C-alpha atoms as a PDB file:
ATOM      1  CA  MET A   1       1.824  13.912  -0.288  1.00  0.00           C
ATOM      2  CA  THR A   2       4.108  12.808  -2.278  1.00  0.00           C
ATOM      3  CA  GLU A   3       6.707  10.394  -0.948  1.00  0.00           C
ATOM      4  CA  THR A   4       9.781  10.042  -2.818  1.00  0.00           C
ATOM      5  CA  ILE A   5      11.306   6.569  -2.027  1.00  0.00           C
ATOM      6  CA  SER A   6      13.631   7.020  -5.048  1.00  0.00           C
ATOM      7  CA  ALA A   7      14.893  10.168  -6.673  1.00  0.00           C
ATOM      8  CA  THR A   8      15.328   8.693  -9.844  1.00  0.00           C
ATOM      9  CA  PRO A   9      13.320  10.265 -12.737  1.00  0.00           C
ATOM     10  CA  ALA A  10      10.962   7.523 -14.310  1.00  0.00           C
ATOM     11  CA  CYS A  11      12.556   7.317 -17.474  1.00  0.00           C
ATOM     12  CA  ASP A  12      16.119   8.332 -17.239  1.00  0.00           C
ATOM     13  CA  SER A  13      18.497   5.457 -18.196  1.00  0.00           C
ATOM     14  CA  THR A  14      21.306   4.668 -15.921  1.00  0.00           C
ATOM     15  CA  PRO A  15      24.633   1.978 -16.566  1.00  0.00           C
ATOM     16  CA  GLY A  16      23.760  -1.237 -17.042  1.00  0.00           C
ATOM     17  CA  GLU A  17      19.921  -0.560 -17.644  1.00  0.00           C
ATOM     18  CA  ASP A  18      18.467  -3.327 -19.331  1.00  0.00           C
ATOM     19  CA  VAL A  19      15.507  -1.727 -20.695  1.00  0.00           C
ATOM     20  CA  THR A  20      15.869   1.602 -23.282  1.00  0.00           C
ATOM     21  CA  THR A  21      14.321   3.085 -25.904  1.00  0.00           C
ATOM     22  CA  SER A  22      15.755   3.211 -29.906  1.00  0.00           C
ATOM     23  CA  MET A  23      16.551   6.672 -29.402  1.00  0.00           C
ATOM     24  CA  ARG A  24      19.176   6.579 -27.087  1.00  0.00           C
ATOM     25  CA  LEU A  25      21.034   3.078 -28.940  1.00  0.00           C
ATOM     26  CA  ARG A  26      21.402   5.068 -31.824  1.00  0.00           C
ATOM     27  CA  ARG A  27      22.873   8.241 -29.701  1.00  0.00           C
ATOM     28  CA  ALA A  28      25.281   6.044 -28.325  1.00  0.00           C
ATOM     29  CA  GLY A  29      26.167   4.956 -31.269  1.00  0.00           C
ATOM     30  CA  LEU A  30      23.964   2.133 -33.070  1.00  0.00           C
ATOM     31  CA  SER A  31      22.214   2.395 -36.239  1.00  0.00           C
ATOM     32  CA  GLN A  32      19.136   1.164 -37.006  1.00  0.00           C
ATOM     33  CA  HIS A  33      20.061  -1.843 -39.016  1.00  0.00           C
ATOM     34  CA  VAL A  34      22.003  -3.031 -35.577  1.00  0.00           C
ATOM     35  CA  ILE A  35      19.536  -2.449 -33.686  1.00  0.00           C
ATOM     36  CA  SER A  36      16.621  -4.263 -35.866  1.00  0.00           C
ATOM     37  CA  SER A  37      18.839  -6.971 -36.292  1.00  0.00           C
ATOM     38  CA  ARG A  38      19.226  -7.563 -32.892  1.00  0.00           C
ATOM     39  CA  CYS A  39      16.111  -7.583 -31.576  1.00  0.00           C
ATOM     40  CA  ARG A  40      14.528 -10.250 -35.311  1.00  0.00           C
ATOM     41  CA  PRO A  41      13.760 -13.609 -33.503  1.00  0.00           C
ATOM     42  CA  GLY A  42      16.451 -15.881 -32.105  1.00  0.00           C
ATOM     43  CA  GLY A  43      18.975 -12.266 -31.561  1.00  0.00           C
ATOM     44  CA  PRO A  44      20.128 -11.265 -28.243  1.00  0.00           C
ATOM     45  CA  TRP A  45      17.454  -8.907 -28.155  1.00  0.00           C
ATOM     46  CA  ARG A  46      13.680  -8.544 -28.171  1.00  0.00           C
ATOM     47  CA  ARG A  47      11.127  -5.293 -28.586  1.00  0.00           C
ATOM     48  CA  LEU A  48       8.748  -4.809 -25.645  1.00  0.00           C
ATOM     49  CA  LEU A  49       7.149  -1.932 -27.115  1.00  0.00           C
ATOM     50  CA  PRO A  50       7.049   0.769 -30.125  1.00  0.00           C
ATOM     51  CA  GLY A  51      10.505   2.236 -29.995  1.00  0.00           C
ATOM     52  CA  VAL A  52      11.109  -0.039 -26.416  1.00  0.00           C
ATOM     53  CA  ILE A  53      13.971  -2.654 -26.418  1.00  0.00           C
ATOM     54  CA  LEU A  54      15.117  -5.590 -23.948  1.00  0.00           C
ATOM     55  CA  LEU A  55      18.892  -5.512 -23.646  1.00  0.00           C
ATOM     56  CA  SER A  56      17.913  -9.550 -23.732  1.00  0.00           C
ATOM     57  CA  ASN A  57      15.895 -12.212 -25.093  1.00  0.00           C
ATOM     58  CA  ARG A  58      14.204 -13.419 -22.100  1.00  0.00           C
ATOM     59  CA  GLU A  59      10.841 -12.938 -21.036  1.00  0.00           C
ATOM     60  CA  PRO A  60      10.697  -9.571 -19.202  1.00  0.00           C
ATOM     61  CA  SER A  61      10.047  -9.220 -15.786  1.00  0.00           C
ATOM     62  CA  ARG A  62       7.100  -7.197 -14.487  1.00  0.00           C
ATOM     63  CA  GLY A  63       9.618  -4.227 -13.070  1.00  0.00           C
ATOM     64  CA  GLN A  64      10.770  -4.743 -17.068  1.00  0.00           C
ATOM     65  CA  GLN A  65       7.314  -4.545 -18.150  1.00  0.00           C
ATOM     66  CA  LEU A  66       6.438  -1.249 -15.888  1.00  0.00           C
ATOM     67  CA  ARG A  67       9.487   0.620 -17.088  1.00  0.00           C
ATOM     68  CA  ALA A  68       8.752   0.098 -20.675  1.00  0.00           C
ATOM     69  CA  ALA A  69       5.605   1.239 -20.650  1.00  0.00           C
ATOM     70  CA  MET A  70       6.746   4.439 -19.004  1.00  0.00           C
ATOM     71  CA  TYR A  71       9.393   5.049 -21.814  1.00  0.00           C
ATOM     72  CA  HIS A  72       6.326   4.484 -24.348  1.00  0.00           C
ATOM     73  CA  ALA A  73       3.701   6.624 -22.215  1.00  0.00           C
ATOM     74  CA  GLY A  74       6.146   9.821 -22.427  1.00  0.00           C
ATOM     75  CA  PRO A  75       6.790  12.325 -19.629  1.00  0.00           C
ATOM     76  CA  ASP A  76       4.096  12.886 -17.217  1.00  0.00           C
ATOM     77  CA  ALA A  77       3.141   9.332 -17.251  1.00  0.00           C
ATOM     78  CA  VAL A  78       1.992   7.734 -13.479  1.00  0.00           C
ATOM     79  CA  ILE A  79       1.390   4.260 -13.247  1.00  0.00           C
ATOM     80  CA  SER A  80      -2.273   3.839 -11.423  1.00  0.00           C
ATOM     81  CA  GLY A  81      -4.090   0.595 -10.640  1.00  0.00           C
ATOM     82  CA  THR A  82      -2.650  -3.055  -9.497  1.00  0.00           C
ATOM     83  CA  ASP A  83       0.606  -1.815 -10.013  1.00  0.00           C
ATOM     84  CA  ALA A  84       0.525   1.135  -7.757  1.00  0.00           C
ATOM     85  CA  LEU A  85      -1.214  -0.542  -5.120  1.00  0.00           C
ATOM     86  CA  GLN A  86       1.386  -3.361  -4.972  1.00  0.00           C
ATOM     87  CA  ALA A  87       4.467  -0.940  -5.172  1.00  0.00           C
ATOM     88  CA  GLN A  88       3.035   0.994  -2.136  1.00  0.00           C
ATOM     89  CA  GLY A  89       2.960  -2.257  -0.039  1.00  0.00           C
ATOM     90  CA  ILE A  90      -0.318  -3.727  -0.729  1.00  0.00           C
ATOM     91  CA  PRO A  91      -0.481  -7.469  -1.418  1.00  0.00           C
ATOM     92  CA  LEU A  92      -2.540  -8.525  -5.071  1.00  0.00           C
ATOM     93  CA  SER A  93      -2.621 -10.191  -7.879  1.00  0.00           C
ATOM     94  CA  PRO A  94      -0.423  -8.933 -10.372  1.00  0.00           C
ATOM     95  CA  SER A  95      -3.078  -7.622 -13.463  1.00  0.00           C
ATOM     96  CA  ARG A  96      -2.589  -8.656 -17.175  1.00  0.00           C
ATOM     97  CA  ARG A  97      -2.061  -5.190 -18.046  1.00  0.00           C
ATOM     98  CA  VAL A  98       0.245  -2.106 -16.940  1.00  0.00           C
ATOM     99  CA  HIS A  99      -1.993   0.770 -16.240  1.00  0.00           C
ATOM    100  CA  VAL A 100      -1.116   3.980 -17.077  1.00  0.00           C
ATOM    101  CA  LEU A 101      -2.821   7.389 -16.671  1.00  0.00           C
ATOM    102  CA  ILE A 102      -0.974  10.011 -19.477  1.00  0.00           C
ATOM    103  CA  PRO A 103      -2.497  13.629 -20.028  1.00  0.00           C
ATOM    104  CA  ILE A 104      -5.042  13.757 -21.602  1.00  0.00           C
ATOM    105  CA  GLY A 105      -3.989  15.940 -25.185  1.00  0.00           C
ATOM    106  CA  ARG A 106      -1.149  12.871 -25.618  1.00  0.00           C
ATOM    107  CA  ARG A 107      -1.653  11.222 -28.573  1.00  0.00           C
ATOM    108  CA  ILE A 108      -0.711   7.450 -27.972  1.00  0.00           C
ATOM    109  CA  ALA A 109      -2.349   4.056 -28.416  1.00  0.00           C
ATOM    110  CA  SER A 110      -2.125   1.167 -25.770  1.00  0.00           C
ATOM    111  CA  GLN A 111       0.237  -1.654 -27.129  1.00  0.00           C
ATOM    112  CA  GLU A 112       1.023  -5.158 -26.114  1.00  0.00           C
ATOM    113  CA  PHE A 113       0.308  -5.104 -21.954  1.00  0.00           C
ATOM    114  CA  THR A 114      -0.350  -1.423 -21.609  1.00  0.00           C
ATOM    115  CA  TRP A 115      -3.373   0.435 -21.329  1.00  0.00           C
ATOM    116  CA  LEU A 116      -3.124   3.957 -21.883  1.00  0.00           C
ATOM    117  CA  ASP A 117      -5.912   5.733 -20.253  1.00  0.00           C
ATOM    118  CA  ARG A 118      -6.294   9.582 -20.363  1.00  0.00           C
ATOM    119  CA  THR A 119      -7.122  11.740 -17.910  1.00  0.00           C
ATOM    120  CA  SER A 120      -7.547  15.450 -17.279  1.00  0.00           C
ATOM    121  CA  ARG A 121      -6.256  15.334 -13.806  1.00  0.00           C
ATOM    122  CA  VAL A 122      -2.867  13.057 -13.557  1.00  0.00           C
ATOM    123  CA  PRO A 123      -1.682  12.763 -10.323  1.00  0.00           C
ATOM    124  CA  GLU A 124       1.602  14.099  -8.202  1.00  0.00           C
ATOM    125  CA  PRO A 125       3.154  10.828  -8.290  1.00  0.00           C
ATOM    126  CA  VAL A 126       4.600   8.540  -5.214  1.00  0.00           C
ATOM    127  CA  VAL A 127       8.325   7.336  -6.768  1.00  0.00           C
ATOM    128  CA  VAL A 128       9.458   3.945  -5.637  1.00  0.00           C
ATOM    129  CA  ASP A 129      12.344   2.338  -7.045  1.00  0.00           C
ATOM    130  CA  GLY A 130      12.690   5.691  -9.862  1.00  0.00           C
ATOM    131  CA  LEU A 131       8.889   4.860 -11.213  1.00  0.00           C
ATOM    132  CA  PRO A 132       6.053   7.545 -11.009  1.00  0.00           C
ATOM    133  CA  PHE A 133       3.100   5.736  -9.093  1.00  0.00           C
ATOM    134  CA  ALA A 134      -0.386   7.088  -8.667  1.00  0.00           C
ATOM    135  CA  PRO A 135      -1.350   7.776  -5.083  1.00  0.00           C
ATOM    136  CA  PRO A 136      -2.944   4.712  -2.674  1.00  0.00           C
ATOM    137  CA  ALA A 137      -6.686   6.277  -3.434  1.00  0.00           C
ATOM    138  CA  ARG A 138      -6.461   7.252  -7.041  1.00  0.00           C
ATOM    139  CA  ALA A 139      -4.840   4.340  -8.180  1.00  0.00           C
ATOM    140  CA  THR A 140      -7.699   2.732  -5.955  1.00  0.00           C
ATOM    141  CA  VAL A 141     -10.845   4.603  -7.299  1.00  0.00           C
ATOM    142  CA  ASP A 142      -9.022   3.946 -10.756  1.00  0.00           C
ATOM    143  CA  LEU A 143      -9.228   0.083 -10.171  1.00  0.00           C
ATOM    144  CA  ALA A 144     -12.212  -0.002  -8.060  1.00  0.00           C
ATOM    145  CA  ARG A 145     -13.832   1.697 -11.503  1.00  0.00           C
ATOM    146  CA  HIS A 146     -13.588  -1.448 -13.690  1.00  0.00           C
ATOM    147  CA  GLU A 147     -14.498  -4.125 -10.869  1.00  0.00           C
ATOM    148  CA  THR A 148     -18.214  -5.804 -11.296  1.00  0.00           C
ATOM    149  CA  ASP A 149     -17.836  -8.472  -8.448  1.00  0.00           C
ATOM    150  CA  PRO A 150     -19.623  -6.604  -4.815  1.00  0.00           C
ATOM    151  CA  ASP A 151     -17.238  -9.232  -3.231  1.00  0.00           C
ATOM    152  CA  ARG A 152     -14.275  -8.308  -4.650  1.00  0.00           C
ATOM    153  CA  LEU A 153     -15.164  -4.155  -4.583  1.00  0.00           C
ATOM    154  CA  ARG A 154     -15.805  -4.273  -1.552  1.00  0.00           C
ATOM    155  CA  ARG A 155     -12.793  -5.893  -0.300  1.00  0.00           C
ATOM    156  CA  LEU A 156     -10.641  -3.642  -2.684  1.00  0.00           C
ATOM    157  CA  LEU A 157     -11.586  -0.512  -1.179  1.00  0.00           C
ATOM    158  CA  THR A 158     -11.234  -1.670   2.691  1.00  0.00           C
ATOM    159  CA  LEU A 159      -7.597  -2.650   1.300  1.00  0.00           C
ATOM    160  CA  PRO A 160      -5.590   0.569   1.237  1.00  0.00           C
ATOM    161  CA  VAL A 161      -7.166   1.917   4.775  1.00  0.00           C
ATOM    162  CA  TYR A 162      -6.826  -1.365   6.255  1.00  0.00           C
ATOM    163  CA  TYR A 163      -3.257  -0.944   5.426  1.00  0.00           C
ATOM    164  CA  GLY A 164      -2.866   2.291   6.362  1.00  0.00           C
ATOM    165  CA  LEU A 165      -2.769   4.349   3.273  1.00  0.00           C
ATOM    166  CA  CYS A 166      -5.579   6.528   3.104  1.00  0.00           C
ATOM    167  CA  SER A 167      -8.532   6.909   4.649  1.00  0.00           C
ATOM    168  CA  ALA A 168     -12.247   6.142   3.264  1.00  0.00           C
ATOM    169  CA  GLU A 169     -12.758  10.388   3.085  1.00  0.00           C
ATOM    170  CA  GLN A 170      -9.655   9.759   0.981  1.00  0.00           C
ATOM    171  CA  LEU A 171     -11.245   7.428  -1.057  1.00  0.00           C
ATOM    172  CA  ARG A 172     -14.916   9.339  -1.522  1.00  0.00           C
ATOM    173  CA  ASP A 173     -12.999  12.858  -2.188  1.00  0.00           C
ATOM    174  CA  GLU A 174     -10.988  11.094  -5.055  1.00  0.00           C
ATOM    175  CA  VAL A 175     -14.523   9.516  -6.266  1.00  0.00           C
ATOM    176  CA  ASP A 176     -15.902  12.765  -6.205  1.00  0.00           C
ATOM    177  CA  ALA A 177     -13.374  15.053  -8.131  1.00  0.00           C
ATOM    178  CA  GLY A 178     -12.318  12.354 -10.895  1.00  0.00           C
ATOM    179  CA  ASN A 179     -14.921  11.306 -13.982  1.00  0.00           C
ATOM    180  CA  GLN A 180     -17.394   9.904 -12.627  1.00  0.00           C
ATOM    181  CA  ARG A 181     -18.714   7.061 -15.534  1.00  0.00           C
ATOM    182  CA  GLY A 182     -17.887   3.685 -13.863  1.00  0.00           C
ATOM    183  CA  THR A 183     -18.602   5.318 -10.160  1.00  0.00           C
ATOM    184  CA  ALA A 184     -22.291   3.894  -9.046  1.00  0.00           C
ATOM    185  CA  ALA A 185     -21.391   0.803  -7.392  1.00  0.00           C
ATOM    186  CA  VAL A 186     -17.833   2.477  -6.080  1.00  0.00           C
ATOM    187  CA  ARG A 187     -19.956   5.284  -4.091  1.00  0.00           C
ATOM    188  CA  GLN A 188     -23.093   2.591  -3.056  1.00  0.00           C
ATOM    189  CA  THR A 189     -19.396   0.306  -1.207  1.00  0.00           C
ATOM    190  CA  LEU A 190     -18.399   2.942   0.287  1.00  0.00           C
ATOM    191  CA  ARG A 191     -21.195   4.513   2.013  1.00  0.00           C
ATOM    192  CA  SER A 192     -22.447   1.022   3.157  1.00  0.00           C
ATOM    193  CA  LEU A 193     -18.690   0.940   4.172  1.00  0.00           C
ATOM    194  CA  GLY A 194     -18.486   4.026   6.957  1.00  0.00           C
ATOM    195  CA  SER A 195     -15.432   5.690   8.317  1.00  0.00           C
ATOM    196  CA  LEU A 196     -13.433   3.213   8.584  1.00  0.00           C
ATOM    197  CA  ARG A 197     -11.750   4.851  10.985  1.00  0.00           C
ATOM    198  CA  ASP A 198     -10.842   1.573  13.447  1.00  0.00           C
ATOM    199  CA  THR A 199      -9.926   0.220  10.131  1.00  0.00           C
ATOM    200  CA  TYR A 200      -7.519   3.161   8.793  1.00  0.00           C
ATOM    201  CA  GLN A 201      -5.731   3.078  12.415  1.00  0.00           C
ATOM    202  CA  GLN A 202      -5.323  -0.412  12.477  1.00  0.00           C
ATOM    203  CA  GLY A 203      -3.849  -0.307   9.200  1.00  0.00           C
ATOM    204  CA  VAL A 204      -1.614   2.895  10.630  1.00  0.00           C
ATOM    205  CA  ALA A 205      -0.275   0.316  13.024  1.00  0.00           C
ATOM    206  CA  ARG A 206       0.345  -2.777  11.290  1.00  0.00           C
ATOM    207  CA  GLU A 207       2.308  -0.380   9.045  1.00  0.00           C
ATOM    208  CA  LEU A 208       4.462   1.210  12.446  1.00  0.00           C
ATOM    209  CA  LEU A 209       4.851  -2.568  13.599  1.00  0.00           C
ATOM    210  CA  GLY A 210       6.819  -2.774  10.409  1.00  0.00           C
ATOM    211  CA  GLY A 211       9.598  -1.423  12.379  1.00  0.00           C
ATOM    212  CA  VAL A 212       9.219  -2.353  15.609  1.00  0.00           C
ATOM    213  CA  PRO A 213      11.648  -5.748  16.699  1.00  0.00           C
ATOM    214  CA  VAL A 214       8.856  -7.219  18.550  1.00  0.00           C
ATOM    215  CA  PRO A 215       7.221 -10.739  17.010  1.00  0.00           C
ATOM    216  CA  PRO A 216       3.643 -10.019  15.073  1.00  0.00           C
ATOM    217  CA  PRO A 217       0.982  -9.622  17.269  1.00  0.00           C
ATOM    218  CA  VAL A 218      -2.890 -10.898  17.222  1.00  0.00           C
ATOM    219  CA  TRP A 219      -5.151  -8.334  16.042  1.00  0.00           C
ATOM    220  CA  ASN A 220      -9.169  -7.472  17.394  1.00  0.00           C
ATOM    221  CA  VAL A 221      -8.516 -10.196  20.975  1.00  0.00           C
ATOM    222  CA  THR A 222     -11.434 -10.243  24.210  1.00  0.00           C
ATOM    223  CA  ILE A 223      -9.018 -10.981  26.961  1.00  0.00           C
ATOM    224  CA  CYS A 224     -10.386 -13.568  29.900  1.00  0.00           C
ATOM    225  CA  ASP A 225      -9.498 -14.283  33.149  1.00  0.00           C
ATOM    226  CA  SER A 226      -8.860 -17.952  33.823  1.00  0.00           C
ATOM    227  CA  ALA A 227     -11.888 -18.652  34.442  1.00  0.00           C
ATOM    228  CA  GLY A 228     -13.164 -17.471  31.097  1.00  0.00           C
ATOM    229  CA  ARG A 229     -14.647 -13.740  32.926  1.00  0.00           C
ATOM    230  CA  ARG A 230     -14.488 -11.043  30.191  1.00  0.00           C
ATOM    231  CA  LEU A 231     -11.889  -8.628  30.890  1.00  0.00           C
ATOM    232  CA  GLY A 232     -11.627  -6.216  27.930  1.00  0.00           C
ATOM    233  CA  VAL A 233     -10.659  -6.065  24.060  1.00  0.00           C
ATOM    234  CA  VAL A 234      -7.343  -4.730  22.894  1.00  0.00           C
ATOM    235  CA  ASP A 235      -6.405  -3.694  19.392  1.00  0.00           C
ATOM    236  CA  ALA A 236      -3.407  -6.089  19.219  1.00  0.00           C
ATOM    237  CA  TRP A 237      -2.144  -8.434  21.842  1.00  0.00           C
ATOM    238  CA  TRP A 238       1.104 -10.413  22.403  1.00  0.00           C
ATOM    239  CA  ASP A 239      -0.134 -13.517  23.883  1.00  0.00           C
ATOM    240  CA  GLU A 240       3.305 -14.894  24.885  1.00  0.00           C
ATOM    241  CA  VAL A 241       3.855 -11.636  27.179  1.00  0.00           C
ATOM    242  CA  ALA A 242       0.299 -10.761  28.136  1.00  0.00           C
ATOM    243  CA  LEU A 243       1.057  -7.435  26.599  1.00  0.00           C
ATOM    244  CA  GLY A 244      -1.519  -5.309  24.949  1.00  0.00           C
ATOM    245  CA  TRP A 245      -1.838  -2.464  22.663  1.00  0.00           C
ATOM    246  CA  ILE A 246      -5.385   0.037  22.743  1.00  0.00           C
ATOM    247  CA  LEU A 247      -6.000   2.336  20.260  1.00  0.00           C
ATOM    248  CA  ASP A 248      -7.317   4.872  22.295  1.00  0.00           C
ATOM    249  CA  PRO A 249      -9.736   7.733  20.061  1.00  0.00           C
ATOM    250  CA  ALA A 250      -8.868  10.195  22.653  1.00  0.00           C
ATOM    251  CA  PRO A 251      -5.579  10.997  24.955  1.00  0.00           C
ATOM    252  CA  THR A 252      -5.793   8.855  27.824  1.00  0.00           C
ATOM    253  CA  CYS A 253      -3.188   9.533  30.504  1.00  0.00           C
ATOM    254  CA  SER A 254      -0.428   6.322  31.311  1.00  0.00           C
ATOM    255  CA  ASP A 255      -1.145   6.739  34.987  1.00  0.00           C
ATOM    256  CA  ARG A 256      -5.008   6.532  34.869  1.00  0.00           C
ATOM    257  CA  PRO A 257      -5.839   4.431  32.393  1.00  0.00           C
ATOM    258  CA  ALA A 258      -9.483   4.052  31.365  1.00  0.00           C
ATOM    259  CA  ALA A 259     -12.459   2.756  33.371  1.00  0.00           C
ATOM    260  CA  SER A 260     -13.145   0.143  31.016  1.00  0.00           C
ATOM    261  CA  HIS A 261      -9.058  -0.981  30.758  1.00  0.00           C
ATOM    262  CA  LEU A 262      -8.784  -1.310  34.857  1.00  0.00           C
ATOM    263  CA  PRO A 263      -9.945  -5.226  34.529  1.00  0.00           C
ATOM    264  CA  LEU A 264      -7.027  -5.329  32.319  1.00  0.00           C
ATOM    265  CA  THR A 265      -4.617  -3.587  34.194  1.00  0.00           C
ATOM    266  CA  GLY A 266      -6.030  -5.020  37.539  1.00  0.00           C
ATOM    267  CA  ALA A 267      -5.492  -8.863  36.369  1.00  0.00           C
ATOM    268  CA  GLY A 268      -1.792  -8.262  35.645  1.00  0.00           C
ATOM    269  CA  VAL A 269      -1.546  -7.407  31.759  1.00  0.00           C
ATOM    270  CA  VAL A 270       0.467  -4.437  30.839  1.00  0.00           C
ATOM    271  CA  LEU A 271      -1.058  -2.018  28.273  1.00  0.00           C
ATOM    272  CA  VAL A 272       0.055   0.487  26.251  1.00  0.00           C
ATOM    273  CA  HIS A 273      -2.707   3.529  24.807  1.00  0.00           C
ATOM    274  CA  THR A 274      -1.537   5.135  21.727  1.00  0.00           C
ATOM    275  CA  THR A 275      -3.448   7.859  20.257  1.00  0.00           C
ATOM    276  CA  PRO A 276      -4.230   8.173  16.342  1.00  0.00           C
ATOM    277  CA  SER A 277      -2.470  11.283  16.376  1.00  0.00           C
ATOM    278  CA  ARG A 278       0.613   9.849  17.729  1.00  0.00           C
ATOM    279  CA  LEU A 279       0.810   7.104  15.530  1.00  0.00           C
ATOM    280  CA  ARG A 280       1.523   8.967  12.106  1.00  0.00           C
ATOM    281  CA  GLY A 281       2.782  12.208  14.215  1.00  0.00           C
ATOM    282  CA  ASP A 282       4.849  10.475  16.834  1.00  0.00           C
ATOM    283  CA  ALA A 283       5.911   7.343  15.366  1.00  0.00           C
ATOM    284  CA  MET A 284       9.228   6.766  16.678  1.00  0.00           C
ATOM    285  CA  ALA A 285       8.473   7.381  20.013  1.00  0.00           C
ATOM    286  CA  VAL A 286       5.511   5.012  19.899  1.00  0.00           C
ATOM    287  CA  ALA A 287       7.843   2.488  18.410  1.00  0.00           C
ATOM    288  CA  ARG A 288      10.074   3.009  21.571  1.00  0.00           C
ATOM    289  CA  GLU A 289       7.133   2.872  23.921  1.00  0.00           C
ATOM    290  CA  LEU A 290       6.004  -0.966  22.609  1.00  0.00           C
ATOM    291  CA  THR A 291       9.588  -2.245  22.442  1.00  0.00           C
ATOM    292  CA  SER A 292      10.087  -1.324  26.058  1.00  0.00           C
ATOM    293  CA  ALA A 293       6.729  -2.618  27.304  1.00  0.00           C
ATOM    294  CA  PHE A 294       7.219  -5.423  25.459  1.00  0.00           C
ATOM    295  CA  ALA A 295      10.548  -6.056  27.166  1.00  0.00           C
ATOM    296  CA  ALA A 296       8.896  -5.235  30.159  1.00  0.00           C
ATOM    297  CA  ALA A 297       6.113  -7.851  30.235  1.00  0.00           C
ATOM    298  CA  ALA A 298       8.760 -10.569  28.745  1.00  0.00           C
ATOM    299  CA  ARG A 299      10.819  -9.590  32.858  1.00  0.00           C
ATOM    300  CA  ARG A 300       6.919 -10.012  35.088  1.00  0.00           C
ATOM    301  CA  ARG A 301       5.470 -13.462  35.772  1.00  0.00           C
ATOM    302  CA  ARG A 302       2.808 -14.017  32.875  1.00  0.00           C
ATOM    303  CA  PRO A 303      -0.331 -13.217  34.186  1.00  0.00           C
ATOM    304  CA  ARG A 304      -3.234 -15.821  34.238  1.00  0.00           C
ATOM    305  CA  VAL A 305      -4.767 -13.982  31.325  1.00  0.00           C
ATOM    306  CA  GLN A 306      -6.190 -15.617  28.257  1.00  0.00           C
ATOM    307  CA  ALA A 307      -7.438 -14.417  24.178  1.00  0.00           C
ATOM    308  CA  LEU A 308     -10.518 -16.201  24.432  1.00  0.00           C
ATOM    309  CA  LYS A 309     -11.589 -15.232  20.589  1.00  0.00           C
ATOM    310  CA  GLU A 310     -11.039 -12.537  18.228  1.00  0.00           C
ATOM    311  CA  VAL A 311     -13.350  -9.902  17.670  1.00  0.00           C
ATOM    312  CA  ALA A 312     -14.694  -8.436  14.291  1.00  0.00           C
ATOM    313  CA  ALA A 313     -12.505  -5.149  12.835  1.00  0.00           C
END
């Protein structure tokens, strides 16, 4: 599904834009001689890529490099890899080059900080700040195909699921649909990861909490009574008010909690139950429930329970 965060086309110039093309400058009335003069060493501008000009002599920012790469790559190009995942909320170390997917018939060479990757499957982009990025599953697989370290590969394939951007099944579908070169290790790692259902659900839940006015919780916590006896496990825990959030695999009636959660409620823990379908389909209502539950938990006397330890996700 395409999520348009900004409607500005990737290569449309706007007033005051500091990355543009020689063609646009000529259309604005500047001669090629003037453009070349201003791009000489010591001049006020600099040439980033063939035909692409930065209207400053400073080192370009990553955002300026991304826009320059799109001007260079031409229409229907899409940014993939690290930059695409960063743009959609995954913190990653920046890559040396901008990975750009271009239609397979386009004859243009990679230059400077760009890596132009020809493909017969240019994806429908997710637009962020006017730039087109590959969807999370495609960007992840494009990056994973070139990762040789097993530990880094495993972490990379887990990240978009952890952040709720795609599922393990979507990653497998992308591997099956794309170029098979370099996918053997990716396939093996995805098999070892299983469905990552809980990781995906918690990723969606973390994304949802970004818009909820409550403090950050601790995740995957075992709750015990004051004597250290185990009461149960919650997906998210607000220790200051003894509030737990449980991501139920099936609908749970609010006035008849699951038997496994009765010790928690009996000890005075406030619990919020949310099914996976509601995480995506009714996020605003879930946000209201969490806000209301946190306020209610804060008003009552905190029960004598403790978060004994975190458990593996």
